[in-house]
PDB file of N, CA and C in Angstrom:
ATOM      1  N   UNK A   1      -8.471  -9.210   4.331  1.00  0.00           N
ATOM      2  CA  UNK A   1      -7.438  -9.759   3.128  1.00  0.00           C
ATOM      3  C   UNK A   1      -7.086 -11.348   3.181  1.00  0.00           C
ATOM      4  N   UNK A   2      -6.873 -12.020   3.026  1.00  0.00           N
ATOM      5  CA  UNK A   2      -5.914 -13.120   3.310  1.00  0.00           C
ATOM      6  C   UNK A   2      -5.163 -13.623   2.082  1.00  0.00           C
ATOM      7  N   UNK A   3      -4.206 -13.828   2.039  1.00  0.00           N
ATOM      8  CA  UNK A   3      -3.645 -14.166   0.364  1.00  0.00           C
ATOM      9  C   UNK A   3      -3.975 -14.202  -0.476  1.00  0.00           C
ATOM     10  N   UNK A   4      -4.110 -12.609   0.144  1.00  0.00           N
ATOM     11  CA  UNK A   4      -4.579 -11.636  -1.652  1.00  0.00           C
ATOM     12  C   UNK A   4      -5.666 -11.940  -2.150  1.00  0.00           C
ATOM     13  N   UNK A   5      -6.583 -11.972  -1.089  1.00  0.00           N
ATOM     14  CA  UNK A   5      -8.109 -12.782  -1.789  1.00  0.00           C
ATOM     15  C   UNK A   5      -8.913 -11.512  -1.162  1.00  0.00           C
ATOM     16  N   UNK A   6      -9.751 -11.028  -1.881  1.00  0.00           N
ATOM     17  CA  UNK A   6     -10.618  -9.741  -1.327  1.00  0.00           C
ATOM     18  C   UNK A   6     -12.438 -10.127  -1.710  1.00  0.00           C
ATOM     19  N   UNK A   7     -13.120 -10.433  -0.467  1.00  0.00           N
ATOM     20  CA  UNK A   7     -14.474 -11.178  -0.477  1.00  0.00           C
ATOM     21  C   UNK A   7     -15.142  -9.329  -0.828  1.00  0.00           C
ATOM     22  N   UNK A   8     -16.318  -9.636  -1.829  1.00  0.00           N
ATOM     23  CA  UNK A   8     -16.729  -8.426  -1.937  1.00  0.00           C
ATOM     24  C   UNK A   8     -18.015  -8.518  -1.663  1.00  0.00           C
ATOM     25  N   UNK A   9     -19.271  -8.408  -0.670  1.00  0.00           N
ATOM     26  CA  UNK A   9     -20.535  -8.723  -0.337  1.00  0.00           C
ATOM     27  C   UNK A   9     -21.441  -7.608  -1.132  1.00  0.00           C
ATOM     28  N   UNK A  10     -22.435  -8.202  -1.862  1.00  0.00           N
ATOM     29  CA  UNK A  10     -23.146  -7.332  -2.612  1.00  0.00           C
ATOM     30  C   UNK A  10     -24.792  -7.429  -2.182  1.00  0.00           C
ATOM     31  N   UNK A  11     -25.162  -6.407  -2.113  1.00  0.00           N
ATOM     32  CA  UNK A  11     -26.945  -6.473  -1.617  1.00  0.00           C
ATOM     33  C   UNK A  11     -27.312  -5.903  -2.674  1.00  0.00           C
ATOM     34  N   UNK A  12     -28.486  -6.417  -2.549  1.00  0.00           N
ATOM     35  CA  UNK A  12     -29.486  -6.065  -4.189  1.00  0.00           C
ATOM     36  C   UNK A  12     -30.550  -5.421  -3.349  1.00  0.00           C
ATOM     37  N   UNK A  13     -30.779  -4.252  -3.440  1.00  0.00           N
ATOM     38  CA  UNK A  13     -32.324  -3.996  -3.523  1.00  0.00           C
ATOM     39  C   UNK A  13     -33.092  -4.296  -4.061  1.00  0.00           C
ATOM     40  N   UNK A  14     -34.241  -5.272  -3.839  1.00  0.00           N
ATOM     41  CA  UNK A  14     -35.471  -5.422  -5.142  1.00  0.00           C
ATOM     42  C   UNK A  14     -36.765  -4.506  -5.260  1.00  0.00           C
ATOM     43  N   UNK A  15     -36.324  -3.284  -4.221  1.00  0.00           N
ATOM     44  CA  UNK A  15     -37.314  -2.479  -4.726  1.00  0.00           C
ATOM     45  C   UNK A  15     -37.395  -1.587  -5.856  1.00  0.00           C
ATOM     46  N   UNK A  16     -36.369  -2.002  -6.406  1.00  0.00           N
ATOM     47  CA  UNK A  16     -35.470  -1.079  -7.622  1.00  0.00           C
ATOM     48  C   UNK A  16     -35.623  -1.754  -8.697  1.00  0.00           C
ATOM     49  N   UNK A  17     -36.377  -3.082  -8.513  1.00  0.00           N
ATOM     50  CA  UNK A  17     -35.942  -4.142  -9.647  1.00  0.00           C
ATOM     51  C   UNK A  17     -37.100  -4.112 -10.610  1.00  0.00           C
ATOM     52  N   UNK A  18     -38.363  -3.140 -10.147  1.00  0.00           N
ATOM     53  CA  UNK A  18     -38.789  -2.681 -11.525  1.00  0.00           C
ATOM     54  C   UNK A  18     -38.150  -2.201 -12.568  1.00  0.00           C
ATOM     55  N   UNK A  19     -37.063  -1.770 -12.743  1.00  0.00           N
ATOM     56  CA  UNK A  19     -36.261  -0.409 -13.280  1.00  0.00           C
ATOM     57  C   UNK A  19     -36.177  -1.456 -14.281  1.00  0.00           C
ATOM     58  N   UNK A  20     -35.353  -3.004 -14.309  1.00  0.00           N
ATOM     59  CA  UNK A  20     -34.337  -3.553 -14.471  1.00  0.00           C
ATOM     60  C   UNK A  20     -34.684  -4.255 -15.735  1.00  0.00           C
ATOM     61  N   UNK A  21     -34.426  -4.482 -16.977  1.00  0.00           N
ATOM     62  CA  UNK A  21     -34.969  -5.132 -17.894  1.00  0.00           C
ATOM     63  C   UNK A  21     -35.654  -6.570 -17.194  1.00  0.00           C
ATOM     64  N   UNK A  22     -37.025  -6.847 -17.773  1.00  0.00           N
ATOM     65  CA  UNK A  22     -37.076  -8.301 -17.323  1.00  0.00           C
ATOM     66  C   UNK A  22     -36.658  -9.525 -17.186  1.00  0.00           C
ATOM     67  N   UNK A  23     -35.356  -9.844 -18.353  1.00  0.00           N
ATOM     68  CA  UNK A  23     -34.461 -11.282 -18.300  1.00  0.00           C
ATOM     69  C   UNK A  23     -33.695 -10.911 -17.009  1.00  0.00           C
ATOM     70  N   UNK A  24     -33.578  -9.593 -16.686  1.00  0.00           N
ATOM     71  CA  UNK A  24     -32.218 -10.258 -15.444  1.00  0.00           C
ATOM     72  C   UNK A  24     -33.209  -9.662 -14.285  1.00  0.00           C
ATOM     73  N   UNK A  25     -34.661  -9.449 -14.243  1.00  0.00           N
ATOM     74  CA  UNK A  25     -35.362  -9.197 -12.959  1.00  0.00           C
ATOM     75  C   UNK A  25     -35.786 -11.051 -12.590  1.00  0.00           C
ATOM     76  N   UNK A  26     -35.725 -11.756 -13.480  1.00  0.00           N
ATOM     77  CA  UNK A  26     -36.475 -13.294 -13.339  1.00  0.00           C
ATOM     78  C   UNK A  26     -34.834 -13.781 -13.400  1.00  0.00           C
ATOM     79  N   UNK A  27     -33.875 -13.821 -13.446  1.00  0.00           N
ATOM     80  CA  UNK A  27     -32.400 -13.911 -13.035  1.00  0.00           C
ATOM     81  C   UNK A  27     -31.540 -14.158 -11.556  1.00  0.00           C
ATOM     82  N   UNK A  28     -32.070 -12.615 -11.343  1.00  0.00           N
ATOM     83  CA  UNK A  28     -32.078 -12.347 -10.021  1.00  0.00           C
ATOM     84  C   UNK A  28     -32.890 -13.327  -8.685  1.00  0.00           C
ATOM     85  N   UNK A  29     -34.170 -13.165  -9.530  1.00  0.00           N
ATOM     86  CA  UNK A  29     -35.426 -14.084  -9.034  1.00  0.00           C
ATOM     87  C   UNK A  29     -34.912 -15.198  -8.637  1.00  0.00           C
ATOM     88  N   UNK A  30     -34.866 -15.898  -9.497  1.00  0.00           N
ATOM     89  CA  UNK A  30     -34.093 -17.208  -9.256  1.00  0.00           C
ATOM     90  C   UNK A  30     -33.210 -17.694  -8.459  1.00  0.00           C
ATOM     91  N   UNK A  31     -32.257 -17.246  -8.775  1.00  0.00           N
ATOM     92  CA  UNK A  31     -30.606 -16.817  -8.275  1.00  0.00           C
ATOM     93  C   UNK A  31     -31.239 -16.809  -6.235  1.00  0.00           C
ATOM     94  N   UNK A  32     -32.215 -15.629  -5.871  1.00  0.00           N
ATOM     95  CA  UNK A  32     -32.416 -15.681  -4.764  1.00  0.00           C
ATOM     96  C   UNK A  32     -32.995 -16.980  -4.461  1.00  0.00           C
ATOM     97  N   UNK A  33     -34.387 -17.464  -4.910  1.00  0.00           N
ATOM     98  CA  UNK A  33     -35.167 -18.973  -4.293  1.00  0.00           C
ATOM     99  C   UNK A  33     -33.988 -19.543  -4.569  1.00  0.00           C
ATOM    100  N   UNK A  34     -33.218 -20.027  -5.974  1.00  0.00           N
ATOM    101  CA  UNK A  34     -32.340 -21.358  -5.214  1.00  0.00           C
ATOM    102  C   UNK A  34     -31.308 -21.220  -4.214  1.00  0.00           C
ATOM    103  N   UNK A  35     -31.040 -19.726  -3.245  1.00  0.00           N
ATOM    104  CA  UNK A  35     -30.390 -19.455  -2.346  1.00  0.00           C
ATOM    105  C   UNK A  35     -30.859 -19.654  -1.315  1.00  0.00           C
ATOM    106  N   UNK A  36     -31.774 -19.205  -1.457  1.00  0.00           N
ATOM    107  CA  UNK A  36     -32.931 -20.189  -0.107  1.00  0.00           C
ATOM    108  C   UNK A  36     -33.609 -21.440  -0.024  1.00  0.00           C
ATOM    109  N   UNK A  37     -33.358 -22.026  -0.918  1.00  0.00           N
ATOM    110  CA  UNK A  37     -34.065 -23.336  -1.032  1.00  0.00           C
ATOM    111  C   UNK A  37     -32.621 -24.348  -0.620  1.00  0.00           C
ATOM    112  N   UNK A  38     -31.097 -23.873  -0.698  1.00  0.00           N
ATOM    113  CA  UNK A  38     -30.137 -24.464  -0.525  1.00  0.00           C
ATOM    114  C   UNK A  38     -30.298 -25.127   0.662  1.00  0.00           C
ATOM    115  N   UNK A  39     -30.258 -24.180   1.907  1.00  0.00           N
ATOM    116  CA  UNK A  39     -30.093 -24.478   3.253  1.00  0.00           C
ATOM    117  C   UNK A  39     -31.270 -25.496   3.626  1.00  0.00           C
ATOM    118  N   UNK A  40     -32.380 -25.056   3.480  1.00  0.00           N
ATOM    119  CA  UNK A  40     -33.650 -26.012   3.689  1.00  0.00           C
ATOM    120  C   UNK A  40     -33.563 -27.183   3.010  1.00  0.00           C
ATOM    121  N   UNK A  41     -32.601 -27.103   2.110  1.00  0.00           N
ATOM    122  CA  UNK A  41     -32.686 -28.944   1.429  1.00  0.00           C
ATOM    123  C   UNK A  41     -31.462 -29.968   2.066  1.00  0.00           C
ATOM    124  N   UNK A  42     -30.231 -28.846   2.489  1.00  0.00           N
ATOM    125  CA  UNK A  42     -29.429 -29.449   3.503  1.00  0.00           C
ATOM    126  C   UNK A  42     -29.878 -30.319   4.692  1.00  0.00           C
ATOM    127  N   UNK A  43     -30.967 -29.222   4.815  1.00  0.00           N
ATOM    128  CA  UNK A  43     -31.297 -29.626   5.894  1.00  0.00           C
ATOM    129  C   UNK A  43     -32.373 -30.876   6.526  1.00  0.00           C
ATOM    130  N   UNK A  44     -32.774 -30.359   5.626  1.00  0.00           N
ATOM    131  CA  UNK A  44     -34.167 -31.748   5.138  1.00  0.00           C
ATOM    132  C   UNK A  44     -32.753 -33.092   4.688  1.00  0.00           C
ATOM    133  N   UNK A  45     -31.758 -33.151   4.012  1.00  0.00           N
ATOM    134  CA  UNK A  45     -30.700 -34.828   4.141  1.00  0.00           C
ATOM    135  C   UNK A  45     -30.614 -35.096   5.484  1.00  0.00           C
ATOM    136  N   UNK A  46     -30.074 -33.985   6.396  1.00  0.00           N
ATOM    137  CA  UNK A  46     -29.688 -34.395   7.142  1.00  0.00           C
ATOM    138  C   UNK A  46     -30.487 -34.740   8.765  1.00  0.00           C
ATOM    139  N   UNK A  47     -31.814 -34.608   8.357  1.00  0.00           N
ATOM    140  CA  UNK A  47     -32.963 -35.005   9.064  1.00  0.00           C
ATOM    141  C   UNK A  47     -32.622 -36.157   8.502  1.00  0.00           C
ATOM    142  N   UNK A  48     -32.957 -36.563   7.987  1.00  0.00           N
ATOM    143  CA  UNK A  48     -33.419 -38.401   6.985  1.00  0.00           C
ATOM    144  C   UNK A  48     -32.313 -38.842   7.646  1.00  0.00           C
ATOM    145  N   UNK A  49     -31.120 -38.655   7.785  1.00  0.00           N
ATOM    146  CA  UNK A  49     -29.969 -39.238   8.229  1.00  0.00           C
ATOM    147  C   UNK A  49     -30.217 -39.630   9.429  1.00  0.00           C
ATOM    148  N   UNK A  50     -30.759 -38.463  10.061  1.00  0.00           N
ATOM    149  CA  UNK A  50     -30.516 -38.916  11.375  1.00  0.00           C
ATOM    150  C   UNK A  50     -31.890 -39.565  12.279  1.00  0.00           C
ATOM    151  N   UNK A  51     -32.761 -39.390  11.001  1.00  0.00           N
ATOM    152  CA  UNK A  51     -34.388 -40.717  11.508  1.00  0.00           C
ATOM    153  C   UNK A  51     -33.965 -42.053  10.730  1.00  0.00           C
ATOM    154  N   UNK A  52     -33.043 -42.198  10.391  1.00  0.00           N
ATOM    155  CA  UNK A  52     -32.950 -43.553  10.214  1.00  0.00           C
ATOM    156  C   UNK A  52     -32.367 -44.572  11.126  1.00  0.00           C
TER     157      UNK A  52
END
């Protein structure tokens, strides 16, 4: 804890996702997809800068 800030790590088990409402499943899947795509996009942009 630094400067009265608490960091909480949340892990989601997708093994039990079928028990959640469909709307929540779609939101979780979309968020996970965006998180995985973001580092790849940054890497591609960096490679494009160095290849010029």
